[in-house]
Amino acid sequence: MNDDQHERFEELLDEALGENIRGDDVCAVELWSALAATVWQGPQTEQVRYSMRSAGEVVAQIRREGEYTDWYMSGPRGQVAGWIAAALARHGWTWVAA
Protein backbone atom coordinates (compact mmCIF):
# COMPACT_ATOMS: atom_id res chain seq x y z
CA MET A 1 0.00 0.00 0.00
CA ASN A 2 1.14 3.50 -0.65
CA ASP A 3 -0.24 6.97 -0.26
CA ASP A 4 -1.11 7.24 -3.96
CA GLN A 5 -3.30 4.13 -3.77
CA HIS A 6 -5.11 5.49 -0.72
CA GLU A 7 -5.57 8.86 -2.39
CA ARG A 8 -7.04 7.33 -5.56
CA PHE A 9 -9.30 5.04 -3.54
CA GLU A 10 -10.53 7.94 -1.41
CA GLU A 11 -11.28 9.95 -4.55
CA LEU A 12 -13.33 6.99 -5.78
CA LEU A 13 -15.14 6.78 -2.43
CA ASP A 14 -16.04 10.45 -2.67
CA GLU A 15 -17.18 10.12 -6.28
CA ALA A 16 -19.15 6.91 -5.85
CA LEU A 17 -20.47 7.32 -2.30
CA GLY A 18 -19.94 10.94 -1.28
CA GLU A 19 -23.46 12.22 -1.80
CA ASN A 20 -24.90 9.49 0.42
CA ILE A 21 -22.16 9.85 3.03
CA ARG A 22 -22.61 13.62 3.27
CA GLY A 23 -26.39 13.39 3.40
CA ASP A 24 -27.00 10.55 5.85
CA ASP A 25 -25.30 9.73 9.15
CA VAL A 26 -26.28 6.05 8.82
CA CYS A 27 -24.47 5.85 5.48
CA ALA A 28 -21.43 7.48 7.06
CA VAL A 29 -21.40 4.85 9.83
CA GLU A 30 -21.74 2.14 7.18
CA LEU A 31 -18.70 3.54 5.39
CA TRP A 32 -16.68 3.49 8.61
CA SER A 33 -17.70 -0.14 9.11
CA ALA A 34 -16.75 -0.98 5.51
CA LEU A 35 -13.27 0.52 5.89
CA ALA A 36 -12.31 -0.67 9.37
CA ALA A 37 -10.95 -4.26 9.47
CA THR A 38 -11.25 -4.89 5.74
CA VAL A 39 -8.88 -4.98 2.80
CA TRP A 40 -10.14 -3.47 -0.43
CA GLN A 41 -8.67 -4.95 -3.60
CA GLY A 42 -8.67 -2.95 -6.79
CA PRO A 43 -8.85 -3.88 -10.44
CA GLN A 44 -5.09 -3.59 -10.92
CA THR A 45 -4.13 -5.69 -7.87
CA GLU A 46 -3.83 -2.65 -5.63
CA GLN A 47 -4.90 -3.04 -2.02
CA VAL A 48 -5.92 -0.53 0.60
CA ARG A 49 -6.70 -1.00 4.27
CA TYR A 50 -7.47 1.41 7.06
CA SER A 51 -7.06 1.42 10.79
CA MET A 52 -10.13 2.29 12.83
CA ARG A 53 -8.78 5.81 13.28
CA SER A 54 -7.94 6.35 9.62
CA ALA A 55 -11.36 5.00 8.62
CA GLY A 56 -12.85 7.77 10.77
CA GLU A 57 -10.58 10.30 9.08
CA VAL A 58 -11.83 9.19 5.65
CA VAL A 59 -15.47 9.55 6.68
CA ALA A 60 -14.86 13.03 8.11
CA GLN A 61 -12.96 14.01 4.97
CA ILE A 62 -15.74 12.85 2.65
CA ARG A 63 -18.36 14.60 4.78
CA ARG A 64 -16.18 17.72 4.71
CA GLU A 65 -16.80 18.26 8.41
CA GLY A 66 -15.80 16.99 11.80
CA GLU A 67 -12.89 14.84 12.89
CA TYR A 68 -12.07 11.16 13.00
CA THR A 69 -13.38 10.97 16.56
CA ASP A 70 -16.88 11.71 15.27
CA TRP A 71 -16.85 8.35 13.45
CA TYR A 72 -14.28 6.26 15.33
CA MET A 73 -15.95 3.02 16.49
CA SER A 74 -19.30 4.26 15.21
CA GLY A 75 -20.36 0.87 13.87
CA PRO A 76 -19.34 -2.75 13.64
CA ARG A 77 -15.88 -3.26 12.14
CA GLY A 78 -15.56 -5.17 8.90
CA GLN A 79 -19.22 -5.16 7.87
CA VAL A 80 -19.75 -3.95 4.33
CA ALA A 81 -23.23 -2.77 3.44
CA GLY A 82 -24.54 -4.11 0.15
CA TRP A 83 -24.93 -0.67 -1.40
CA ILE A 84 -21.26 0.14 -0.69
CA ALA A 85 -20.02 -3.21 -2.03
CA ALA A 86 -22.13 -2.80 -5.17
CA ALA A 87 -21.04 0.78 -5.82
CA LEU A 88 -17.36 -0.07 -5.49
CA ALA A 89 -17.71 -3.33 -7.46
CA ARG A 90 -18.86 -1.25 -10.42
CA HIS A 91 -15.36 0.23 -10.35
CA GLY A 92 -13.63 -3.13 -9.96
CA TRP A 93 -13.11 -3.10 -6.19
CA THR A 94 -13.87 -6.03 -3.90
CA TRP A 95 -13.25 -6.57 -0.22
CA VAL A 96 -12.07 -9.26 2.15
CA ALA A 97 -11.99 -9.32 5.94
CA ALA A 98 -8.63 -8.24 7.30
PDB file of N, CA and C in Angstrom:
ATOM      1  N   MET A   1       0.847  -1.188   0.000  1.00  0.00           N
ATOM      2  CA  MET A   1       0.000   0.000   0.000  1.00  0.00           C
ATOM      3  C   MET A   1       0.882   1.237   0.000  1.00  0.00           C
ATOM      4  N   ASN A   2       0.433   2.229  -0.710  1.00  0.00           N
ATOM      5  CA  ASN A   2       1.139   3.498  -0.651  1.00  0.00           C
ATOM      6  C   ASN A   2       0.132   4.635  -0.625  1.00  0.00           C
ATOM      7  N   ASP A   3       0.644   5.815  -0.388  1.00  0.00           N
ATOM      8  CA  ASP A   3      -0.239   6.975  -0.262  1.00  0.00           C
ATOM      9  C   ASP A   3      -1.019   7.250  -1.538  1.00  0.00           C
ATOM     10  N   ASP A   4      -0.404   7.010  -2.697  1.00  0.00           N
ATOM     11  CA  ASP A   4      -1.109   7.240  -3.961  1.00  0.00           C
ATOM     12  C   ASP A   4      -2.318   6.322  -4.098  1.00  0.00           C
ATOM     13  N   GLN A   5      -2.173   5.064  -3.691  1.00  0.00           N
ATOM     14  CA  GLN A   5      -3.298   4.132  -3.765  1.00  0.00           C
ATOM     15  C   GLN A   5      -4.429   4.584  -2.859  1.00  0.00           C
ATOM     16  N   HIS A   6      -4.081   5.000  -1.646  1.00  0.00           N
ATOM     17  CA  HIS A   6      -5.107   5.494  -0.724  1.00  0.00           C
ATOM     18  C   HIS A   6      -5.787   6.732  -1.295  1.00  0.00           C
ATOM     19  N   GLU A   7      -4.997   7.628  -1.849  1.00  0.00           N
ATOM     20  CA  GLU A   7      -5.573   8.862  -2.394  1.00  0.00           C
ATOM     21  C   GLU A   7      -6.545   8.562  -3.530  1.00  0.00           C
ATOM     22  N   ARG A   8      -6.149   7.687  -4.445  1.00  0.00           N
ATOM     23  CA  ARG A   8      -7.043   7.334  -5.564  1.00  0.00           C
ATOM     24  C   ARG A   8      -8.305   6.633  -5.064  1.00  0.00           C
ATOM     25  N   PHE A   9      -8.146   5.738  -4.087  1.00  0.00           N
ATOM     26  CA  PHE A   9      -9.305   5.038  -3.541  1.00  0.00           C
ATOM     27  C   PHE A   9     -10.246   6.017  -2.846  1.00  0.00           C
ATOM     28  N   GLU A  10      -9.703   6.953  -2.104  1.00  0.00           N
ATOM     29  CA  GLU A  10     -10.534   7.937  -1.409  1.00  0.00           C
ATOM     30  C   GLU A  10     -11.243   8.858  -2.394  1.00  0.00           C
ATOM     31  N   GLU A  11     -10.604   9.174  -3.503  1.00  0.00           N
ATOM     32  CA  GLU A  11     -11.279   9.949  -4.548  1.00  0.00           C
ATOM     33  C   GLU A  11     -12.451   9.149  -5.108  1.00  0.00           C
ATOM     34  N   LEU A  12     -12.251   7.853  -5.309  1.00  0.00           N
ATOM     35  CA  LEU A  12     -13.334   6.987  -5.779  1.00  0.00           C
ATOM     36  C   LEU A  12     -14.463   6.934  -4.761  1.00  0.00           C
ATOM     37  N   LEU A  13     -14.110   6.789  -3.479  1.00  0.00           N
ATOM     38  CA  LEU A  13     -15.142   6.781  -2.435  1.00  0.00           C
ATOM     39  C   LEU A  13     -15.977   8.052  -2.494  1.00  0.00           C
ATOM     40  N   ASP A  14     -15.315   9.183  -2.631  1.00  0.00           N
ATOM     41  CA  ASP A  14     -16.036  10.452  -2.673  1.00  0.00           C
ATOM     42  C   ASP A  14     -16.934  10.524  -3.909  1.00  0.00           C
ATOM     43  N   GLU A  15     -16.401  10.085  -5.030  1.00  0.00           N
ATOM     44  CA  GLU A  15     -17.175  10.124  -6.281  1.00  0.00           C
ATOM     45  C   GLU A  15     -18.362   9.164  -6.238  1.00  0.00           C
ATOM     46  N   ALA A  16     -18.115   7.945  -5.795  1.00  0.00           N
ATOM     47  CA  ALA A  16     -19.147   6.907  -5.851  1.00  0.00           C
ATOM     48  C   ALA A  16     -20.128   6.948  -4.684  1.00  0.00           C
ATOM     49  N   LEU A  17     -19.660   7.411  -3.515  1.00  0.00           N
ATOM     50  CA  LEU A  17     -20.474   7.322  -2.301  1.00  0.00           C
ATOM     51  C   LEU A  17     -20.710   8.661  -1.611  1.00  0.00           C
ATOM     52  N   GLY A  18     -19.971   9.674  -2.014  1.00  0.00           N
ATOM     53  CA  GLY A  18     -19.944  10.936  -1.277  1.00  0.00           C
ATOM     54  C   GLY A  18     -21.294  11.574  -1.012  1.00  0.00           C
ATOM     55  N   GLU A  19     -22.154  11.588  -1.986  1.00  0.00           N
ATOM     56  CA  GLU A  19     -23.462  12.223  -1.799  1.00  0.00           C
ATOM     57  C   GLU A  19     -24.232  11.550  -0.661  1.00  0.00           C
ATOM     58  N   ASN A  20     -24.217  10.224  -0.650  1.00  0.00           N
ATOM     59  CA  ASN A  20     -24.904   9.490   0.422  1.00  0.00           C
ATOM     60  C   ASN A  20     -24.226   9.712   1.767  1.00  0.00           C
ATOM     61  N   ILE A  21     -22.909   9.702   1.780  1.00  0.00           N
ATOM     62  CA  ILE A  21     -22.156   9.849   3.026  1.00  0.00           C
ATOM     63  C   ILE A  21     -22.387  11.234   3.626  1.00  0.00           C
ATOM     64  N   ARG A  22     -22.399  12.243   2.779  1.00  0.00           N
ATOM     65  CA  ARG A  22     -22.612  13.615   3.270  1.00  0.00           C
ATOM     66  C   ARG A  22     -24.055  13.847   3.711  1.00  0.00           C
ATOM     67  N   GLY A  23     -24.988  13.127   3.130  1.00  0.00           N
ATOM     68  CA  GLY A  23     -26.392  13.393   3.403  1.00  0.00           C
ATOM     69  C   GLY A  23     -27.048  12.534   4.466  1.00  0.00           C
ATOM     70  N   ASP A  24     -26.341  11.497   4.953  1.00  0.00           N
ATOM     71  CA  ASP A  24     -27.000  10.546   5.845  1.00  0.00           C
ATOM     72  C   ASP A  24     -25.984   9.977   6.830  1.00  0.00           C
ATOM     73  N   ASP A  25     -26.209  10.225   8.110  1.00  0.00           N
ATOM     74  CA  ASP A  25     -25.296   9.728   9.146  1.00  0.00           C
ATOM     75  C   ASP A  25     -25.203   8.204   9.141  1.00  0.00           C
ATOM     76  N   VAL A  26     -26.295   7.527   8.848  1.00  0.00           N
ATOM     77  CA  VAL A  26     -26.279   6.054   8.817  1.00  0.00           C
ATOM     78  C   VAL A  26     -25.339   5.576   7.717  1.00  0.00           C
ATOM     79  N   CYS A  27     -25.374   6.215   6.574  1.00  0.00           N
ATOM     80  CA  CYS A  27     -24.474   5.852   5.478  1.00  0.00           C
ATOM     81  C   CYS A  27     -23.021   6.109   5.873  1.00  0.00           C
ATOM     82  N   ALA A  28     -22.785   7.174   6.598  1.00  0.00           N
ATOM     83  CA  ALA A  28     -21.431   7.475   7.059  1.00  0.00           C
ATOM     84  C   ALA A  28     -20.927   6.397   8.011  1.00  0.00           C
ATOM     85  N   VAL A  29     -21.777   5.948   8.916  1.00  0.00           N
ATOM     86  CA  VAL A  29     -21.402   4.852   9.826  1.00  0.00           C
ATOM     87  C   VAL A  29     -21.136   3.583   9.019  1.00  0.00           C
ATOM     88  N   GLU A  30     -21.949   3.326   8.022  1.00  0.00           N
ATOM     89  CA  GLU A  30     -21.736   2.144   7.182  1.00  0.00           C
ATOM     90  C   GLU A  30     -20.412   2.224   6.437  1.00  0.00           C
ATOM     91  N   LEU A  31     -20.008   3.403   6.029  1.00  0.00           N
ATOM     92  CA  LEU A  31     -18.704   3.541   5.385  1.00  0.00           C
ATOM     93  C   LEU A  31     -17.596   3.251   6.381  1.00  0.00           C
ATOM     94  N   TRP A  32     -17.697   3.789   7.601  1.00  0.00           N
ATOM     95  CA  TRP A  32     -16.678   3.494   8.605  1.00  0.00           C
ATOM     96  C   TRP A  32     -16.568   1.975   8.795  1.00  0.00           C
ATOM     97  N   SER A  33     -17.697   1.309   8.920  1.00  0.00           N
ATOM     98  CA  SER A  33     -17.700  -0.140   9.108  1.00  0.00           C
ATOM     99  C   SER A  33     -17.056  -0.860   7.924  1.00  0.00           C
ATOM    100  N   ALA A  34     -17.285  -0.352   6.725  1.00  0.00           N
ATOM    101  CA  ALA A  34     -16.755  -0.976   5.513  1.00  0.00           C
ATOM    102  C   ALA A  34     -15.249  -0.774   5.361  1.00  0.00           C
ATOM    103  N   LEU A  35     -14.707   0.242   6.011  1.00  0.00           N
ATOM    104  CA  LEU A  35     -13.272   0.515   5.887  1.00  0.00           C
ATOM    105  C   LEU A  35     -12.459  -0.086   7.021  1.00  0.00           C
ATOM    106  N   ALA A  36     -13.038  -0.177   8.197  1.00  0.00           N
ATOM    107  CA  ALA A  36     -12.315  -0.674   9.372  1.00  0.00           C
ATOM    108  C   ALA A  36     -12.304  -2.210   9.359  1.00  0.00           C
ATOM    109  N   ALA A  37     -11.127  -2.797   9.416  1.00  0.00           N
ATOM    110  CA  ALA A  37     -10.946  -4.256   9.475  1.00  0.00           C
ATOM    111  C   ALA A  37     -11.305  -4.955   8.164  1.00  0.00           C
ATOM    112  N   THR A  38     -11.092  -4.269   7.053  1.00  0.00           N
ATOM    113  CA  THR A  38     -11.253  -4.890   5.740  1.00  0.00           C
ATOM    114  C   THR A  38     -10.043  -4.535   4.880  1.00  0.00           C
ATOM    115  N   VAL A  39      -9.867  -5.293   3.834  1.00  0.00           N
ATOM    116  CA  VAL A  39      -8.881  -4.983   2.802  1.00  0.00           C
ATOM    117  C   VAL A  39      -9.668  -4.835   1.512  1.00  0.00           C
ATOM    118  N   TRP A  40      -9.504  -3.708   0.854  1.00  0.00           N
ATOM    119  CA  TRP A  40     -10.144  -3.474  -0.435  1.00  0.00           C
ATOM    120  C   TRP A  40      -9.131  -3.745  -1.531  1.00  0.00           C
ATOM    121  N   GLN A  41      -9.543  -4.564  -2.506  1.00  0.00           N
ATOM    122  CA  GLN A  41      -8.668  -4.950  -3.598  1.00  0.00           C
ATOM    123  C   GLN A  41      -9.187  -4.349  -4.891  1.00  0.00           C
ATOM    124  N   GLY A  42      -8.286  -3.655  -5.588  1.00  0.00           N
ATOM    125  CA  GLY A  42      -8.674  -2.953  -6.794  1.00  0.00           C
ATOM    126  C   GLY A  42      -8.473  -3.754  -8.063  1.00  0.00           C
ATOM    127  N   PRO A  43      -8.889  -3.172  -9.170  1.00  0.00           N
ATOM    128  CA  PRO A  43      -8.855  -3.877 -10.444  1.00  0.00           C
ATOM    129  C   PRO A  43      -7.442  -4.122 -10.966  1.00  0.00           C
ATOM    130  N   GLN A  44      -6.476  -3.418 -10.460  1.00  0.00           N
ATOM    131  CA  GLN A  44      -5.093  -3.588 -10.918  1.00  0.00           C
ATOM    132  C   GLN A  44      -4.220  -4.135  -9.793  1.00  0.00           C
ATOM    133  N   THR A  45      -4.788  -5.007  -8.990  1.00  0.00           N
ATOM    134  CA  THR A  45      -4.132  -5.691  -7.865  1.00  0.00           C
ATOM    135  C   THR A  45      -3.713  -4.770  -6.729  1.00  0.00           C
ATOM    136  N   GLU A  46      -4.141  -3.531  -6.754  1.00  0.00           N
ATOM    137  CA  GLU A  46      -3.834  -2.654  -5.630  1.00  0.00           C
ATOM    138  C   GLU A  46      -4.680  -3.059  -4.430  1.00  0.00           C
ATOM    139  N   GLN A  47      -4.178  -2.750  -3.258  1.00  0.00           N
ATOM    140  CA  GLN A  47      -4.899  -3.039  -2.020  1.00  0.00           C
ATOM    141  C   GLN A  47      -4.815  -1.835  -1.104  1.00  0.00           C
ATOM    142  N   VAL A  48      -5.913  -1.572  -0.424  1.00  0.00           N
ATOM    143  CA  VAL A  48      -5.917  -0.529   0.604  1.00  0.00           C
ATOM    144  C   VAL A  48      -6.583  -1.091   1.846  1.00  0.00           C
ATOM    145  N   ARG A  49      -6.102  -0.645   2.986  1.00  0.00           N
ATOM    146  CA  ARG A  49      -6.701  -1.000   4.269  1.00  0.00           C
ATOM    147  C   ARG A  49      -6.557   0.205   5.177  1.00  0.00           C
ATOM    148  N   TYR A  50      -7.448   0.276   6.153  1.00  0.00           N
ATOM    149  CA  TYR A  50      -7.473   1.410   7.063  1.00  0.00           C
ATOM    150  C   TYR A  50      -7.557   0.930   8.499  1.00  0.00           C
ATOM    151  N   SER A  51      -6.878   1.643   9.365  1.00  0.00           N
ATOM    152  CA  SER A  51      -7.061   1.424  10.793  1.00  0.00           C
ATOM    153  C   SER A  51      -8.425   2.000  11.173  1.00  0.00           C
ATOM    154  N   MET A  52      -8.857   1.727  12.375  1.00  0.00           N
ATOM    155  CA  MET A  52     -10.128   2.290  12.828  1.00  0.00           C
ATOM    156  C   MET A  52     -10.065   3.816  12.843  1.00  0.00           C
ATOM    157  N   ARG A  53      -8.937   4.352  13.260  1.00  0.00           N
ATOM    158  CA  ARG A  53      -8.783   5.806  13.285  1.00  0.00           C
ATOM    159  C   ARG A  53      -8.791   6.379  11.870  1.00  0.00           C
ATOM    160  N   SER A  54      -7.993   5.793  10.969  1.00  0.00           N
ATOM    161  CA  SER A  54      -7.936   6.347   9.621  1.00  0.00           C
ATOM    162  C   SER A  54      -9.255   6.176   8.878  1.00  0.00           C
ATOM    163  N   ALA A  55     -10.028   5.134   9.205  1.00  0.00           N
ATOM    164  CA  ALA A  55     -11.363   4.999   8.618  1.00  0.00           C
ATOM    165  C   ALA A  55     -12.229   6.183   9.039  1.00  0.00           C
ATOM    166  N   GLY A  56     -12.123   6.592  10.301  1.00  0.00           N
ATOM    167  CA  GLY A  56     -12.853   7.770  10.773  1.00  0.00           C
ATOM    168  C   GLY A  56     -12.405   9.036  10.069  1.00  0.00           C
ATOM    169  N   GLU A  57     -11.105   9.134   9.794  1.00  0.00           N
ATOM    170  CA  GLU A  57     -10.584  10.298   9.075  1.00  0.00           C
ATOM    171  C   GLU A  57     -11.162  10.373   7.668  1.00  0.00           C
ATOM    172  N   VAL A  58     -11.272   9.224   7.009  1.00  0.00           N
ATOM    173  CA  VAL A  58     -11.825   9.195   5.654  1.00  0.00           C
ATOM    174  C   VAL A  58     -13.278   9.648   5.661  1.00  0.00           C
ATOM    175  N   VAL A  59     -14.055   9.152   6.605  1.00  0.00           N
ATOM    176  CA  VAL A  59     -15.472   9.551   6.681  1.00  0.00           C
ATOM    177  C   VAL A  59     -15.576  11.061   6.905  1.00  0.00           C
ATOM    178  N   ALA A  60     -14.819  11.591   7.842  1.00  0.00           N
ATOM    179  CA  ALA A  60     -14.861  13.034   8.110  1.00  0.00           C
ATOM    180  C   ALA A  60     -14.434  13.832   6.879  1.00  0.00           C
ATOM    181  N   GLN A  61     -13.436  13.335   6.175  1.00  0.00           N
ATOM    182  CA  GLN A  61     -12.955  14.014   4.968  1.00  0.00           C
ATOM    183  C   GLN A  61     -14.038  14.043   3.892  1.00  0.00           C
ATOM    184  N   ILE A  62     -14.686  12.907   3.668  1.00  0.00           N
ATOM    185  CA  ILE A  62     -15.737  12.853   2.645  1.00  0.00           C
ATOM    186  C   ILE A  62     -16.913  13.739   3.041  1.00  0.00           C
ATOM    187  N   ARG A  63     -17.254  13.754   4.314  1.00  0.00           N
ATOM    188  CA  ARG A  63     -18.364  14.601   4.778  1.00  0.00           C
ATOM    189  C   ARG A  63     -17.991  16.083   4.774  1.00  0.00           C
ATOM    190  N   ARG A  64     -16.685  16.335   4.720  1.00  0.00           N
ATOM    191  CA  ARG A  64     -16.177  17.718   4.710  1.00  0.00           C
ATOM    192  C   ARG A  64     -16.530  18.457   5.995  1.00  0.00           C
ATOM    193  N   GLU A  65     -16.535  17.674   7.097  1.00  0.00           N
ATOM    194  CA  GLU A  65     -16.796  18.260   8.408  1.00  0.00           C
ATOM    195  C   GLU A  65     -16.354  17.288   9.495  1.00  0.00           C
ATOM    196  N   GLY A  66     -16.107  17.819  10.646  1.00  0.00           N
ATOM    197  CA  GLY A  66     -15.796  16.991  11.801  1.00  0.00           C
ATOM    198  C   GLY A  66     -14.390  16.430  11.795  1.00  0.00           C
ATOM    199  N   GLU A  67     -14.184  15.485  12.712  1.00  0.00           N
ATOM    200  CA  GLU A  67     -12.895  14.840  12.886  1.00  0.00           C
ATOM    201  C   GLU A  67     -13.093  13.334  12.963  1.00  0.00           C
ATOM    202  N   TYR A  68     -11.982  12.620  12.960  1.00  0.00           N
ATOM    203  CA  TYR A  68     -12.074  11.159  13.004  1.00  0.00           C
ATOM    204  C   TYR A  68     -12.829  10.675  14.234  1.00  0.00           C
ATOM    205  N   THR A  69     -12.731  11.407  15.327  1.00  0.00           N
ATOM    206  CA  THR A  69     -13.384  10.973  16.564  1.00  0.00           C
ATOM    207  C   THR A  69     -14.905  10.971  16.440  1.00  0.00           C
ATOM    208  N   ASP A  70     -15.431  11.714  15.492  1.00  0.00           N
ATOM    209  CA  ASP A  70     -16.882  11.712  15.270  1.00  0.00           C
ATOM    210  C   ASP A  70     -17.357  10.361  14.740  1.00  0.00           C
ATOM    211  N   TRP A  71     -16.465   9.599  14.110  1.00  0.00           N
ATOM    212  CA  TRP A  71     -16.854   8.353  13.449  1.00  0.00           C
ATOM    213  C   TRP A  71     -16.128   7.134  13.995  1.00  0.00           C
ATOM    214  N   TYR A  72     -15.070   7.350  14.768  1.00  0.00           N
ATOM    215  CA  TYR A  72     -14.280   6.259  15.328  1.00  0.00           C
ATOM    216  C   TYR A  72     -15.172   5.323  16.143  1.00  0.00           C
ATOM    217  N   MET A  73     -15.155   4.037  15.805  1.00  0.00           N
ATOM    218  CA  MET A  73     -15.949   3.016  16.494  1.00  0.00           C
ATOM    219  C   MET A  73     -17.462   3.300  16.424  1.00  0.00           C
ATOM    220  N   SER A  74     -17.890   3.892  15.330  1.00  0.00           N
ATOM    221  CA  SER A  74     -19.303   4.262  15.208  1.00  0.00           C
ATOM    222  C   SER A  74     -20.190   3.106  14.761  1.00  0.00           C
ATOM    223  N   GLY A  75     -19.576   2.024  14.316  1.00  0.00           N
ATOM    224  CA  GLY A  75     -20.356   0.874  13.866  1.00  0.00           C
ATOM    225  C   GLY A  75     -19.539  -0.394  14.008  1.00  0.00           C
ATOM    226  N   PRO A  76     -20.075  -1.495  13.556  1.00  0.00           N
ATOM    227  CA  PRO A  76     -19.340  -2.754  13.641  1.00  0.00           C
ATOM    228  C   PRO A  76     -18.213  -2.807  12.605  1.00  0.00           C
ATOM    229  N   ARG A  77     -17.032  -3.186  13.046  1.00  0.00           N
ATOM    230  CA  ARG A  77     -15.881  -3.258  12.139  1.00  0.00           C
ATOM    231  C   ARG A  77     -16.054  -4.390  11.134  1.00  0.00           C
ATOM    232  N   GLY A  78     -15.630  -4.126   9.907  1.00  0.00           N
ATOM    233  CA  GLY A  78     -15.565  -5.174   8.904  1.00  0.00           C
ATOM    234  C   GLY A  78     -16.875  -5.601   8.289  1.00  0.00           C
ATOM    235  N   GLN A  79     -17.938  -4.854   8.505  1.00  0.00           N
ATOM    236  CA  GLN A  79     -19.219  -5.162   7.869  1.00  0.00           C
ATOM    237  C   GLN A  79     -19.437  -4.200   6.707  1.00  0.00           C
ATOM    238  N   VAL A  80     -19.603  -4.763   5.536  1.00  0.00           N
ATOM    239  CA  VAL A  80     -19.749  -3.954   4.329  1.00  0.00           C
ATOM    240  C   VAL A  80     -21.196  -4.009   3.870  1.00  0.00           C
ATOM    241  N   ALA A  81     -21.845  -2.865   3.897  1.00  0.00           N
ATOM    242  CA  ALA A  81     -23.234  -2.771   3.440  1.00  0.00           C
ATOM    243  C   ALA A  81     -23.298  -3.090   1.942  1.00  0.00           C
ATOM    244  N   GLY A  82     -24.379  -3.719   1.549  1.00  0.00           N
ATOM    245  CA  GLY A  82     -24.540  -4.107   0.151  1.00  0.00           C
ATOM    246  C   GLY A  82     -24.417  -2.957  -0.831  1.00  0.00           C
ATOM    247  N   TRP A  83     -24.976  -1.796  -0.479  1.00  0.00           N
ATOM    248  CA  TRP A  83     -24.929  -0.665  -1.404  1.00  0.00           C
ATOM    249  C   TRP A  83     -23.494  -0.167  -1.595  1.00  0.00           C
ATOM    250  N   ILE A  84     -22.658  -0.275  -0.558  1.00  0.00           N
ATOM    251  CA  ILE A  84     -21.258   0.139  -0.690  1.00  0.00           C
ATOM    252  C   ILE A  84     -20.503  -0.875  -1.541  1.00  0.00           C
ATOM    253  N   ALA A  85     -20.684  -2.163  -1.247  1.00  0.00           N
ATOM    254  CA  ALA A  85     -20.018  -3.207  -2.026  1.00  0.00           C
ATOM    255  C   ALA A  85     -20.393  -3.105  -3.498  1.00  0.00           C
ATOM    256  N   ALA A  86     -21.674  -2.883  -3.782  1.00  0.00           N
ATOM    257  CA  ALA A  86     -22.133  -2.802  -5.175  1.00  0.00           C
ATOM    258  C   ALA A  86     -21.559  -1.575  -5.886  1.00  0.00           C
ATOM    259  N   ALA A  87     -21.553  -0.440  -5.208  1.00  0.00           N
ATOM    260  CA  ALA A  87     -21.039   0.785  -5.825  1.00  0.00           C
ATOM    261  C   ALA A  87     -19.554   0.652  -6.148  1.00  0.00           C
ATOM    262  N   LEU A  88     -18.793   0.073  -5.246  1.00  0.00           N
ATOM    263  CA  LEU A  88     -17.359  -0.066  -5.489  1.00  0.00           C
ATOM    264  C   LEU A  88     -17.062  -1.194  -6.471  1.00  0.00           C
ATOM    265  N   ALA A  89     -17.893  -2.236  -6.491  1.00  0.00           N
ATOM    266  CA  ALA A  89     -17.710  -3.325  -7.455  1.00  0.00           C
ATOM    267  C   ALA A  89     -17.852  -2.813  -8.887  1.00  0.00           C
ATOM    268  N   ARG A  90     -18.712  -1.832  -9.083  1.00  0.00           N
ATOM    269  CA  ARG A  90     -18.863  -1.248 -10.422  1.00  0.00           C
ATOM    270  C   ARG A  90     -17.568  -0.633 -10.920  1.00  0.00           C
ATOM    271  N   HIS A  91     -16.659  -0.338  -9.997  1.00  0.00           N
ATOM    272  CA  HIS A  91     -15.356   0.234 -10.348  1.00  0.00           C
ATOM    273  C   HIS A  91     -14.241  -0.793 -10.205  1.00  0.00           C
ATOM    274  N   GLY A  92     -14.607  -2.055 -10.006  1.00  0.00           N
ATOM    275  CA  GLY A  92     -13.633  -3.132  -9.964  1.00  0.00           C
ATOM    276  C   GLY A  92     -13.037  -3.436  -8.609  1.00  0.00           C
ATOM    277  N   TRP A  93     -13.625  -2.886  -7.543  1.00  0.00           N
ATOM    278  CA  TRP A  93     -13.109  -3.098  -6.185  1.00  0.00           C
ATOM    279  C   TRP A  93     -13.935  -4.141  -5.433  1.00  0.00           C
ATOM    280  N   THR A  94     -13.245  -5.037  -4.756  1.00  0.00           N
ATOM    281  CA  THR A  94     -13.867  -6.030  -3.902  1.00  0.00           C
ATOM    282  C   THR A  94     -13.198  -5.964  -2.535  1.00  0.00           C
ATOM    283  N   TRP A  95     -13.798  -6.628  -1.565  1.00  0.00           N
ATOM    284  CA  TRP A  95     -13.247  -6.571  -0.215  1.00  0.00           C
ATOM    285  C   TRP A  95     -13.122  -7.960   0.393  1.00  0.00           C
ATOM    286  N   VAL A  96     -12.219  -8.064   1.336  1.00  0.00           N
ATOM    287  CA  VAL A  96     -12.070  -9.263   2.149  1.00  0.00           C
ATOM    288  C   VAL A  96     -11.864  -8.805   3.588  1.00  0.00           C
ATOM    289  N   ALA A  97     -12.226  -9.643   4.529  1.00  0.00           N
ATOM    290  CA  ALA A  97     -11.994  -9.320   5.938  1.00  0.00           C
ATOM    291  C   ALA A  97     -10.491  -9.300   6.196  1.00  0.00           C
ATOM    292  N   ALA A  98     -10.070  -8.350   6.997  1.00  0.00           N
ATOM    293  CA  ALA A  98      -8.627  -8.236   7.296  1.00  0.00           C
ATOM    294  C   ALA A  98      -8.216  -9.233   8.351  1.00  0.00           C
TER     295      ALA A  98
END
